[in-house]
Amino acid sequence: MNAFAAAIEMLFADPNIGAEAIYTSDGGAPVLVRAVARRQDAVTDFGDARLWSETTRIDLRVAEVPNPRPGDRIEIDSEAFLIQGEPVRDRERLVWTVDLRPA
């Protein structure tokens, strides 16, 4: 394991950063995984207007969730979400970032 992969493992394992989540692929069985929440707001330019919206994004380890797809379900702290849009992997191919919407 390289240094970057080891650092990712430590971040996801840290109880102050990572959290337990339940991932369920469309038609699959629930799996307990670790997630890192990124609940920042998004500002999008639309012509001359700027639109503000709340976003819910999380990071998932590729080792735990090899192929997340739109419509898959994530539960965090008893809140249910569905993945929307295409998940994006980081440069090292270790972490997925997924956009969520309430289920």
PDB file of N, CA and C in Angstrom:
ATOM      1  N   MET A   1       0.853  -1.175   0.000  1.00  0.00           N
ATOM      2  CA  MET A   1       0.000   0.000   0.000  1.00  0.00           C
ATOM      3  C   MET A   1       0.897   1.236   0.000  1.00  0.00           C
ATOM      4  N   ASN A   2       0.618   2.172  -0.906  1.00  0.00           N
ATOM      5  CA  ASN A   2       1.425   3.390  -0.959  1.00  0.00           C
ATOM      6  C   ASN A   2       0.986   4.375   0.133  1.00  0.00           C
ATOM      7  N   ALA A   3       1.750   5.437   0.307  1.00  0.00           N
ATOM      8  CA  ALA A   3       1.494   6.402   1.371  1.00  0.00           C
ATOM      9  C   ALA A   3       0.137   7.082   1.214  1.00  0.00           C
ATOM     10  N   PHE A   4      -0.244   7.380  -0.024  1.00  0.00           N
ATOM     11  CA  PHE A   4      -1.531   8.044  -0.239  1.00  0.00           C
ATOM     12  C   PHE A   4      -2.685   7.120   0.142  1.00  0.00           C
ATOM     13  N   ALA A   5      -2.621   5.859  -0.250  1.00  0.00           N
ATOM     14  CA  ALA A   5      -3.669   4.888   0.094  1.00  0.00           C
ATOM     15  C   ALA A   5      -3.755   4.714   1.605  1.00  0.00           C
ATOM     16  N   ALA A   6      -2.623   4.691   2.288  1.00  0.00           N
ATOM     17  CA  ALA A   6      -2.614   4.566   3.747  1.00  0.00           C
ATOM     18  C   ALA A   6      -3.256   5.784   4.399  1.00  0.00           C
ATOM     19  N   ALA A   7      -2.986   6.972   3.861  1.00  0.00           N
ATOM     20  CA  ALA A   7      -3.584   8.195   4.405  1.00  0.00           C
ATOM     21  C   ALA A   7      -5.108   8.194   4.212  1.00  0.00           C
ATOM     22  N   ILE A   8      -5.574   7.734   3.055  1.00  0.00           N
ATOM     23  CA  ILE A   8      -7.017   7.645   2.797  1.00  0.00           C
ATOM     24  C   ILE A   8      -7.669   6.705   3.809  1.00  0.00           C
ATOM     25  N   GLU A   9      -7.029   5.561   4.058  1.00  0.00           N
ATOM     26  CA  GLU A   9      -7.561   4.601   5.024  1.00  0.00           C
ATOM     27  C   GLU A   9      -7.687   5.232   6.407  1.00  0.00           C
ATOM     28  N   MET A  10      -6.678   5.998   6.809  1.00  0.00           N
ATOM     29  CA  MET A  10      -6.698   6.651   8.123  1.00  0.00           C
ATOM     30  C   MET A  10      -7.799   7.700   8.191  1.00  0.00           C
ATOM     31  N   LEU A  11      -7.983   8.479   7.132  1.00  0.00           N
ATOM     32  CA  LEU A  11      -9.030   9.506   7.132  1.00  0.00           C
ATOM     33  C   LEU A  11     -10.420   8.886   7.245  1.00  0.00           C
ATOM     34  N   PHE A  12     -10.683   7.858   6.466  1.00  0.00           N
ATOM     35  CA  PHE A  12     -11.991   7.225   6.509  1.00  0.00           C
ATOM     36  C   PHE A  12     -12.237   6.543   7.857  1.00  0.00           C
ATOM     37  N   ALA A  13     -11.190   6.020   8.494  1.00  0.00           N
ATOM     38  CA  ALA A  13     -11.327   5.335   9.776  1.00  0.00           C
ATOM     39  C   ALA A  13     -11.495   6.310  10.939  1.00  0.00           C
ATOM     40  N   ASP A  14     -11.029   7.552  10.782  1.00  0.00           N
ATOM     41  CA  ASP A  14     -11.115   8.544  11.859  1.00  0.00           C
ATOM     42  C   ASP A  14     -12.568   8.835  12.189  1.00  0.00           C
ATOM     43  N   PRO A  15     -12.999   8.659  13.450  1.00  0.00           N
ATOM     44  CA  PRO A  15     -14.402   8.900  13.811  1.00  0.00           C
ATOM     45  C   PRO A  15     -14.833  10.361  13.704  1.00  0.00           C
ATOM     46  N   ASN A  16     -13.875  11.292  13.644  1.00  0.00           N
ATOM     47  CA  ASN A  16     -14.202  12.705  13.481  1.00  0.00           C
ATOM     48  C   ASN A  16     -14.414  13.090  12.021  1.00  0.00           C
ATOM     49  N   ILE A  17     -13.977  12.246  11.102  1.00  0.00           N
ATOM     50  CA  ILE A  17     -14.068  12.551   9.675  1.00  0.00           C
ATOM     51  C   ILE A  17     -15.000  11.580   8.961  1.00  0.00           C
ATOM     52  N   GLY A  18     -14.747  10.294   9.111  1.00  0.00           N
ATOM     53  CA  GLY A  18     -15.552   9.267   8.456  1.00  0.00           C
ATOM     54  C   GLY A  18     -16.753   8.870   9.295  1.00  0.00           C
ATOM     55  N   ALA A  19     -17.748   8.327   8.637  1.00  0.00           N
ATOM     56  CA  ALA A  19     -18.952   7.862   9.319  1.00  0.00           C
ATOM     57  C   ALA A  19     -19.416   6.561   8.687  1.00  0.00           C
ATOM     58  N   GLU A  20     -20.104   5.758   9.481  1.00  0.00           N
ATOM     59  CA  GLU A  20     -20.673   4.536   8.933  1.00  0.00           C
ATOM     60  C   GLU A  20     -21.877   4.884   8.071  1.00  0.00           C
ATOM     61  N   ALA A  21     -22.006   4.167   6.976  1.00  0.00           N
ATOM     62  CA  ALA A  21     -23.137   4.347   6.069  1.00  0.00           C
ATOM     63  C   ALA A  21     -23.540   2.976   5.555  1.00  0.00           C
ATOM     64  N   ILE A  22     -24.760   2.883   5.103  1.00  0.00           N
ATOM     65  CA  ILE A  22     -25.238   1.649   4.495  1.00  0.00           C
ATOM     66  C   ILE A  22     -25.440   1.925   3.015  1.00  0.00           C
ATOM     67  N   TYR A  23     -24.717   1.176   2.193  1.00  0.00           N
ATOM     68  CA  TYR A  23     -24.794   1.322   0.742  1.00  0.00           C
ATOM     69  C   TYR A  23     -25.584   0.140   0.192  1.00  0.00           C
ATOM     70  N   THR A  24     -26.578   0.447  -0.648  1.00  0.00           N
ATOM     71  CA  THR A  24     -27.365  -0.595  -1.292  1.00  0.00           C
ATOM     72  C   THR A  24     -27.419  -0.303  -2.780  1.00  0.00           C
ATOM     73  N   SER A  25     -26.801  -1.181  -3.557  1.00  0.00           N
ATOM     74  CA  SER A  25     -26.873  -1.003  -5.007  1.00  0.00           C
ATOM     75  C   SER A  25     -28.288  -1.329  -5.463  1.00  0.00           C
ATOM     76  N   ASP A  26     -28.672  -0.814  -6.617  1.00  0.00           N
ATOM     77  CA  ASP A  26     -30.009  -1.049  -7.155  1.00  0.00           C
ATOM     78  C   ASP A  26     -30.224  -2.559  -7.320  1.00  0.00           C
ATOM     79  N   GLY A  27     -31.105  -3.127  -6.513  1.00  0.00           N
ATOM     80  CA  GLY A  27     -31.379  -4.556  -6.569  1.00  0.00           C
ATOM     81  C   GLY A  27     -30.415  -5.403  -5.762  1.00  0.00           C
ATOM     82  N   GLY A  28     -29.485  -4.782  -5.029  1.00  0.00           N
ATOM     83  CA  GLY A  28     -28.490  -5.525  -4.266  1.00  0.00           C
ATOM     84  C   GLY A  28     -28.789  -5.554  -2.778  1.00  0.00           C
ATOM     85  N   ALA A  29     -27.902  -6.184  -2.051  1.00  0.00           N
ATOM     86  CA  ALA A  29     -28.023  -6.291  -0.597  1.00  0.00           C
ATOM     87  C   ALA A  29     -27.305  -5.123   0.082  1.00  0.00           C
ATOM     88  N   PRO A  30     -27.795  -4.672   1.232  1.00  0.00           N
ATOM     89  CA  PRO A  30     -27.134  -3.588   1.966  1.00  0.00           C
ATOM     90  C   PRO A  30     -25.736  -3.998   2.443  1.00  0.00           C
ATOM     91  N   VAL A  31     -24.798  -3.038   2.380  1.00  0.00           N
ATOM     92  CA  VAL A  31     -23.419  -3.270   2.796  1.00  0.00           C
ATOM     93  C   VAL A  31     -23.004  -2.103   3.691  1.00  0.00           C
ATOM     94  N   LEU A  32     -22.384  -2.406   4.821  1.00  0.00           N
ATOM     95  CA  LEU A  32     -21.874  -1.370   5.712  1.00  0.00           C
ATOM     96  C   LEU A  32     -20.551  -0.846   5.155  1.00  0.00           C
ATOM     97  N   VAL A  33     -20.446   0.474   4.959  1.00  0.00           N
ATOM     98  CA  VAL A  33     -19.243   1.112   4.409  1.00  0.00           C
ATOM     99  C   VAL A  33     -18.910   2.332   5.252  1.00  0.00           C
ATOM    100  N   ARG A  34     -17.766   2.939   4.983  1.00  0.00           N
ATOM    101  CA  ARG A  34     -17.385   4.210   5.603  1.00  0.00           C
ATOM    102  C   ARG A  34     -17.521   5.308   4.554  1.00  0.00           C
ATOM    103  N   ALA A  35     -17.979   6.479   4.993  1.00  0.00           N
ATOM    104  CA  ALA A  35     -18.179   7.613   4.085  1.00  0.00           C
ATOM    105  C   ALA A  35     -17.646   8.882   4.738  1.00  0.00           C
ATOM    106  N   VAL A  36     -17.216   9.812   3.904  1.00  0.00           N
ATOM    107  CA  VAL A  36     -16.811  11.138   4.359  1.00  0.00           C
ATOM    108  C   VAL A  36     -17.770  12.127   3.726  1.00  0.00           C
ATOM    109  N   ALA A  37     -18.498  12.873   4.575  1.00  0.00           N
ATOM    110  CA  ALA A  37     -19.505  13.810   4.084  1.00  0.00           C
ATOM    111  C   ALA A  37     -18.858  15.096   3.590  1.00  0.00           C
ATOM    112  N   ARG A  38     -19.432  15.631   2.509  1.00  0.00           N
ATOM    113  CA  ARG A  38     -19.046  16.939   1.945  1.00  0.00           C
ATOM    114  C   ARG A  38     -20.332  17.696   1.699  1.00  0.00           C
ATOM    115  N   ARG A  39     -20.878  18.312   2.673  1.00  0.00           N
ATOM    116  CA  ARG A  39     -22.186  18.958   2.534  1.00  0.00           C
ATOM    117  C   ARG A  39     -22.056  20.453   2.257  1.00  0.00           C
ATOM    118  N   GLN A  40     -21.239  20.807   1.317  1.00  0.00           N
ATOM    119  CA  GLN A  40     -21.067  22.215   0.983  1.00  0.00           C
ATOM    120  C   GLN A  40     -22.189  22.699   0.056  1.00  0.00           C
ATOM    121  N   ASP A  41     -22.381  24.006   0.037  1.00  0.00           N
ATOM    122  CA  ASP A  41     -23.348  24.605  -0.878  1.00  0.00           C
ATOM    123  C   ASP A  41     -22.691  24.797  -2.243  1.00  0.00           C
ATOM    124  N   ALA A  42     -23.519  24.885  -3.266  1.00  0.00           N
ATOM    125  CA  ALA A  42     -23.019  25.084  -4.620  1.00  0.00           C
ATOM    126  C   ALA A  42     -23.586  26.377  -5.183  1.00  0.00           C
ATOM    127  N   VAL A  43     -22.757  27.125  -5.875  1.00  0.00           N
ATOM    128  CA  VAL A  43     -23.187  28.329  -6.579  1.00  0.00           C
ATOM    129  C   VAL A  43     -22.943  28.073  -8.060  1.00  0.00           C
ATOM    130  N   THR A  44     -24.014  28.178  -8.855  1.00  0.00           N
ATOM    131  CA  THR A  44     -23.939  27.893 -10.277  1.00  0.00           C
ATOM    132  C   THR A  44     -24.310  29.137 -11.061  1.00  0.00           C
ATOM    133  N   ASP A  45     -23.498  29.472 -12.053  1.00  0.00           N
ATOM    134  CA  ASP A  45     -23.829  30.595 -12.931  1.00  0.00           C
ATOM    135  C   ASP A  45     -24.807  30.119 -13.997  1.00  0.00           C
ATOM    136  N   PHE A  46     -25.853  30.911 -14.214  1.00  0.00           N
ATOM    137  CA  PHE A  46     -26.851  30.620 -15.236  1.00  0.00           C
ATOM    138  C   PHE A  46     -27.149  31.931 -15.935  1.00  0.00           C
ATOM    139  N   GLY A  47     -26.460  32.156 -17.052  1.00  0.00           N
ATOM    140  CA  GLY A  47     -26.575  33.457 -17.725  1.00  0.00           C
ATOM    141  C   GLY A  47     -26.000  34.530 -16.819  1.00  0.00           C
ATOM    142  N   ASP A  48     -26.808  35.554 -16.552  1.00  0.00           N
ATOM    143  CA  ASP A  48     -26.371  36.631 -15.664  1.00  0.00           C
ATOM    144  C   ASP A  48     -26.722  36.356 -14.208  1.00  0.00           C
ATOM    145  N   ALA A  49     -27.404  35.279 -13.949  1.00  0.00           N
ATOM    146  CA  ALA A  49     -27.828  34.960 -12.581  1.00  0.00           C
ATOM    147  C   ALA A  49     -26.879  33.953 -11.942  1.00  0.00           C
ATOM    148  N   ARG A  50     -26.849  33.996 -10.630  1.00  0.00           N
ATOM    149  CA  ARG A  50     -26.106  32.995  -9.861  1.00  0.00           C
ATOM    150  C   ARG A  50     -27.103  32.273  -8.977  1.00  0.00           C
ATOM    151  N   LEU A  51     -27.128  30.966  -9.076  1.00  0.00           N
ATOM    152  CA  LEU A  51     -28.064  30.150  -8.322  1.00  0.00           C
ATOM    153  C   LEU A  51     -27.344  29.457  -7.169  1.00  0.00           C
ATOM    154  N   TRP A  52     -27.933  29.522  -5.979  1.00  0.00           N
ATOM    155  CA  TRP A  52     -27.379  28.870  -4.803  1.00  0.00           C
ATOM    156  C   TRP A  52     -28.223  27.639  -4.512  1.00  0.00           C
ATOM    157  N   SER A  53     -27.570  26.548  -4.188  1.00  0.00           N
ATOM    158  CA  SER A  53     -28.316  25.350  -3.805  1.00  0.00           C
ATOM    159  C   SER A  53     -27.510  24.556  -2.793  1.00  0.00           C
ATOM    160  N   GLU A  54     -28.237  23.903  -1.886  1.00  0.00           N
ATOM    161  CA  GLU A  54     -27.583  23.001  -0.955  1.00  0.00           C
ATOM    162  C   GLU A  54     -27.211  21.732  -1.706  1.00  0.00           C
ATOM    163  N   THR A  55     -26.081  21.187  -1.386  1.00  0.00           N
ATOM    164  CA  THR A  55     -25.681  19.929  -2.009  1.00  0.00           C
ATOM    165  C   THR A  55     -25.318  18.934  -0.918  1.00  0.00           C
ATOM    166  N   THR A  56     -25.466  17.690  -1.235  1.00  0.00           N
ATOM    167  CA  THR A  56     -24.995  16.623  -0.355  1.00  0.00           C
ATOM    168  C   THR A  56     -24.099  15.741  -1.197  1.00  0.00           C
ATOM    169  N   ARG A  57     -22.830  15.769  -0.873  1.00  0.00           N
ATOM    170  CA  ARG A  57     -21.858  14.930  -1.552  1.00  0.00           C
ATOM    171  C   ARG A  57     -21.129  14.128  -0.487  1.00  0.00           C
ATOM    172  N   ILE A  58     -20.774  12.920  -0.854  1.00  0.00           N
ATOM    173  CA  ILE A  58     -19.966  12.109   0.035  1.00  0.00           C
ATOM    174  C   ILE A  58     -18.863  11.436  -0.760  1.00  0.00           C
ATOM    175  N   ASP A  59     -17.827  11.053  -0.045  1.00  0.00           N
ATOM    176  CA  ASP A  59     -16.754  10.257  -0.621  1.00  0.00           C
ATOM    177  C   ASP A  59     -16.905   8.827  -0.127  1.00  0.00           C
ATOM    178  N   LEU A  60     -16.700   7.877  -1.024  1.00  0.00           N
ATOM    179  CA  LEU A  60     -16.729   6.451  -0.712  1.00  0.00           C
ATOM    180  C   LEU A  60     -15.442   5.820  -1.214  1.00  0.00           C
ATOM    181  N   ARG A  61     -14.921   4.861  -0.497  1.00  0.00           N
ATOM    182  CA  ARG A  61     -13.712   4.170  -0.943  1.00  0.00           C
ATOM    183  C   ARG A  61     -14.045   3.185  -2.057  1.00  0.00           C
ATOM    184  N   VAL A  62     -13.256   3.217  -3.108  1.00  0.00           N
ATOM    185  CA  VAL A  62     -13.432   2.305  -4.240  1.00  0.00           C
ATOM    186  C   VAL A  62     -13.314   0.859  -3.762  1.00  0.00           C
ATOM    187  N   ALA A  63     -12.473   0.612  -2.755  1.00  0.00           N
ATOM    188  CA  ALA A  63     -12.296  -0.745  -2.230  1.00  0.00           C
ATOM    189  C   ALA A  63     -13.596  -1.296  -1.642  1.00  0.00           C
ATOM    190  N   GLU A  64     -14.451  -0.424  -1.116  1.00  0.00           N
ATOM    191  CA  GLU A  64     -15.722  -0.862  -0.519  1.00  0.00           C
ATOM    192  C   GLU A  64     -16.881  -0.792  -1.498  1.00  0.00           C
ATOM    193  N   VAL A  65     -16.860   0.203  -2.375  1.00  0.00           N
ATOM    194  CA  VAL A  65     -17.937   0.408  -3.347  1.00  0.00           C
ATOM    195  C   VAL A  65     -17.282   0.519  -4.723  1.00  0.00           C
ATOM    196  N   PRO A  66     -17.078  -0.609  -5.408  1.00  0.00           N
ATOM    197  CA  PRO A  66     -16.328  -0.571  -6.662  1.00  0.00           C
ATOM    198  C   PRO A  66     -17.048   0.090  -7.834  1.00  0.00           C
ATOM    199  N   ASN A  67     -18.388   0.109  -7.822  1.00  0.00           N
ATOM    200  CA  ASN A  67     -19.103   0.631  -8.990  1.00  0.00           C
ATOM    201  C   ASN A  67     -20.428   1.285  -8.599  1.00  0.00           C
ATOM    202  N   PRO A  68     -20.392   2.438  -7.911  1.00  0.00           N
ATOM    203  CA  PRO A  68     -21.655   3.100  -7.565  1.00  0.00           C
ATOM    204  C   PRO A  68     -22.341   3.628  -8.820  1.00  0.00           C
ATOM    205  N   ARG A  69     -23.658   3.569  -8.829  1.00  0.00           N
ATOM    206  CA  ARG A  69     -24.437   3.998  -9.985  1.00  0.00           C
ATOM    207  C   ARG A  69     -25.575   4.910  -9.541  1.00  0.00           C
ATOM    208  N   PRO A  70     -26.031   5.794 -10.437  1.00  0.00           N
ATOM    209  CA  PRO A  70     -27.213   6.594 -10.118  1.00  0.00           C
ATOM    210  C   PRO A  70     -28.382   5.682  -9.742  1.00  0.00           C
ATOM    211  N   GLY A  71     -29.081   6.062  -8.676  1.00  0.00           N
ATOM    212  CA  GLY A  71     -30.206   5.270  -8.185  1.00  0.00           C
ATOM    213  C   GLY A  71     -29.844   4.371  -7.019  1.00  0.00           C
ATOM    214  N   ASP A  72     -28.541   4.138  -6.793  1.00  0.00           N
ATOM    215  CA  ASP A  72     -28.132   3.361  -5.624  1.00  0.00           C
ATOM    216  C   ASP A  72     -28.459   4.160  -4.363  1.00  0.00           C
ATOM    217  N   ARG A  73     -28.675   3.460  -3.261  1.00  0.00           N
ATOM    218  CA  ARG A  73     -29.145   4.079  -2.013  1.00  0.00           C
ATOM    219  C   ARG A  73     -28.020   4.133  -0.983  1.00  0.00           C
ATOM    220  N   ILE A  74     -27.963   5.253  -0.255  1.00  0.00           N
ATOM    221  CA  ILE A  74     -27.016   5.455   0.842  1.00  0.00           C
ATOM    222  C   ILE A  74     -27.820   5.914   2.059  1.00  0.00           C
ATOM    223  N   GLU A  75     -27.582   5.300   3.200  1.00  0.00           N
ATOM    224  CA  GLU A  75     -28.189   5.748   4.453  1.00  0.00           C
ATOM    225  C   GLU A  75     -27.081   6.174   5.399  1.00  0.00           C
ATOM    226  N   ILE A  76     -27.208   7.411   5.910  1.00  0.00           N
ATOM    227  CA  ILE A  76     -26.249   7.956   6.860  1.00  0.00           C
ATOM    228  C   ILE A  76     -27.044   8.556   8.008  1.00  0.00           C
ATOM    229  N   ASP A  77     -26.771   8.123   9.223  1.00  0.00           N
ATOM    230  CA  ASP A  77     -27.477   8.644  10.410  1.00  0.00           C
ATOM    231  C   ASP A  77     -28.989   8.607  10.225  1.00  0.00           C
ATOM    232  N   SER A  78     -29.508   7.516   9.750  1.00  0.00           N
ATOM    233  CA  SER A  78     -30.947   7.295   9.544  1.00  0.00           C
ATOM    234  C   SER A  78     -31.550   8.172   8.453  1.00  0.00           C
ATOM    235  N   GLU A  79     -30.743   8.881   7.685  1.00  0.00           N
ATOM    236  CA  GLU A  79     -31.220   9.651   6.539  1.00  0.00           C
ATOM    237  C   GLU A  79     -30.940   8.850   5.277  1.00  0.00           C
ATOM    238  N   ALA A  80     -31.932   8.747   4.404  1.00  0.00           N
ATOM    239  CA  ALA A  80     -31.789   7.972   3.176  1.00  0.00           C
ATOM    240  C   ALA A  80     -31.592   8.911   1.985  1.00  0.00           C
ATOM    241  N   PHE A  81     -30.658   8.538   1.112  1.00  0.00           N
ATOM    242  CA  PHE A  81     -30.343   9.312  -0.080  1.00  0.00           C
ATOM    243  C   PHE A  81     -30.219   8.373  -1.275  1.00  0.00           C
ATOM    244  N   LEU A  82     -30.386   8.939  -2.469  1.00  0.00           N
ATOM    245  CA  LEU A  82     -30.121   8.223  -3.708  1.00  0.00           C
ATOM    246  C   LEU A  82     -28.990   8.929  -4.437  1.00  0.00           C
ATOM    247  N   ILE A  83     -28.117   8.141  -5.066  1.00  0.00           N
ATOM    248  CA  ILE A  83     -27.048   8.739  -5.864  1.00  0.00           C
ATOM    249  C   ILE A  83     -27.679   9.327  -7.123  1.00  0.00           C
ATOM    250  N   GLN A  84     -27.298  10.565  -7.419  1.00  0.00           N
ATOM    251  CA  GLN A  84     -27.762  11.196  -8.662  1.00  0.00           C
ATOM    252  C   GLN A  84     -26.547  11.604  -9.469  1.00  0.00           C
ATOM    253  N   GLY A  85     -26.657  11.527 -10.761  1.00  0.00           N
ATOM    254  CA  GLY A  85     -25.529  11.862 -11.628  1.00  0.00           C
ATOM    255  C   GLY A  85     -24.460  10.785 -11.586  1.00  0.00           C
ATOM    256  N   GLU A  86     -23.438  10.975 -12.371  1.00  0.00           N
ATOM    257  CA  GLU A  86     -22.357   9.993 -12.463  1.00  0.00           C
ATOM    258  C   GLU A  86     -21.326  10.215 -11.363  1.00  0.00           C
ATOM    259  N   PRO A  87     -20.986   9.192 -10.614  1.00  0.00           N
ATOM    260  CA  PRO A  87     -19.917   9.306  -9.619  1.00  0.00           C
ATOM    261  C   PRO A  87     -18.583   9.619 -10.297  1.00  0.00           C
ATOM    262  N   VAL A  88     -17.697  10.293  -9.570  1.00  0.00           N
ATOM    263  CA  VAL A  88     -16.394  10.692 -10.095  1.00  0.00           C
ATOM    264  C   VAL A  88     -15.303  10.138  -9.180  1.00  0.00           C
ATOM    265  N   ARG A  89     -14.279   9.516  -9.784  1.00  0.00           N
ATOM    266  CA  ARG A  89     -13.159   8.997  -8.996  1.00  0.00           C
ATOM    267  C   ARG A  89     -12.033  10.012  -8.921  1.00  0.00           C
ATOM    268  N   ASP A  90     -11.259   9.929  -7.841  1.00  0.00           N
ATOM    269  CA  ASP A  90     -10.098  10.798  -7.700  1.00  0.00           C
ATOM    270  C   ASP A  90      -8.976  10.333  -8.622  1.00  0.00           C
ATOM    271  N   ARG A  91      -7.927  11.106  -8.681  1.00  0.00           N
ATOM    272  CA  ARG A  91      -6.812  10.827  -9.596  1.00  0.00           C
ATOM    273  C   ARG A  91      -6.132   9.488  -9.325  1.00  0.00           C
ATOM    274  N   GLU A  92      -6.051   9.108  -8.061  1.00  0.00           N
ATOM    275  CA  GLU A  92      -5.390   7.856  -7.697  1.00  0.00           C
ATOM    276  C   GLU A  92      -6.330   6.654  -7.795  1.00  0.00           C
ATOM    277  N   ARG A  93      -7.609   6.907  -8.138  1.00  0.00           N
ATOM    278  CA  ARG A  93      -8.621   5.857  -8.314  1.00  0.00           C
ATOM    279  C   ARG A  93      -8.914   5.111  -7.009  1.00  0.00           C
ATOM    280  N   LEU A  94      -8.870   5.841  -5.872  1.00  0.00           N
ATOM    281  CA  LEU A  94      -9.121   5.246  -4.565  1.00  0.00           C
ATOM    282  C   LEU A  94     -10.449   5.679  -3.960  1.00  0.00           C
ATOM    283  N   VAL A  95     -10.970   6.833  -4.398  1.00  0.00           N
ATOM    284  CA  VAL A  95     -12.152   7.427  -3.766  1.00  0.00           C
ATOM    285  C   VAL A  95     -13.155   7.868  -4.826  1.00  0.00           C
ATOM    286  N   TRP A  96     -14.414   7.510  -4.601  1.00  0.00           N
ATOM    287  CA  TRP A  96     -15.529   8.034  -5.413  1.00  0.00           C
ATOM    288  C   TRP A  96     -16.117   9.246  -4.702  1.00  0.00           C
ATOM    289  N   THR A  97     -16.465  10.277  -5.446  1.00  0.00           N
ATOM    290  CA  THR A  97     -17.288  11.371  -4.934  1.00  0.00           C
ATOM    291  C   THR A  97     -18.638  11.244  -5.623  1.00  0.00           C
ATOM    292  N   VAL A  98     -19.703  11.175  -4.811  1.00  0.00           N
ATOM    293  CA  VAL A  98     -21.045  11.009  -5.356  1.00  0.00           C
ATOM    294  C   VAL A  98     -21.956  12.124  -4.870  1.00  0.00           C
ATOM    295  N   ASP A  99     -22.833  12.598  -5.750  1.00  0.00           N
ATOM    296  CA  ASP A  99     -23.871  13.560  -5.398  1.00  0.00           C
ATOM    297  C   ASP A  99     -25.098  12.786  -4.948  1.00  0.00           C
ATOM    298  N   LEU A 100     -25.730  13.272  -3.902  1.00  0.00           N
ATOM    299  CA  LEU A 100     -26.902  12.590  -3.353  1.00  0.00           C
ATOM    300  C   LEU A 100     -28.106  13.511  -3.358  1.00  0.00           C
ATOM    301  N   ARG A 101     -29.277  12.892  -3.398  1.00  0.00           N
ATOM    302  CA  ARG A 101     -30.536  13.622  -3.192  1.00  0.00           C
ATOM    303  C   ARG A 101     -31.360  12.804  -2.212  1.00  0.00           C
ATOM    304  N   PRO A 102     -32.244  13.460  -1.461  1.00  0.00           N
ATOM    305  CA  PRO A 102     -33.051  12.710  -0.504  1.00  0.00           C
ATOM    306  C   PRO A 102     -33.867  11.625  -1.206  1.00  0.00           C
ATOM    307  N   ALA A 103     -33.986  10.489  -0.540  1.00  0.00           N
ATOM    308  CA  ALA A 103     -34.751   9.358  -1.118  1.00  0.00           C
ATOM    309  C   ALA A 103     -36.236   9.532  -0.870  1.00  0.00           C
TER     310      ALA A 103
END
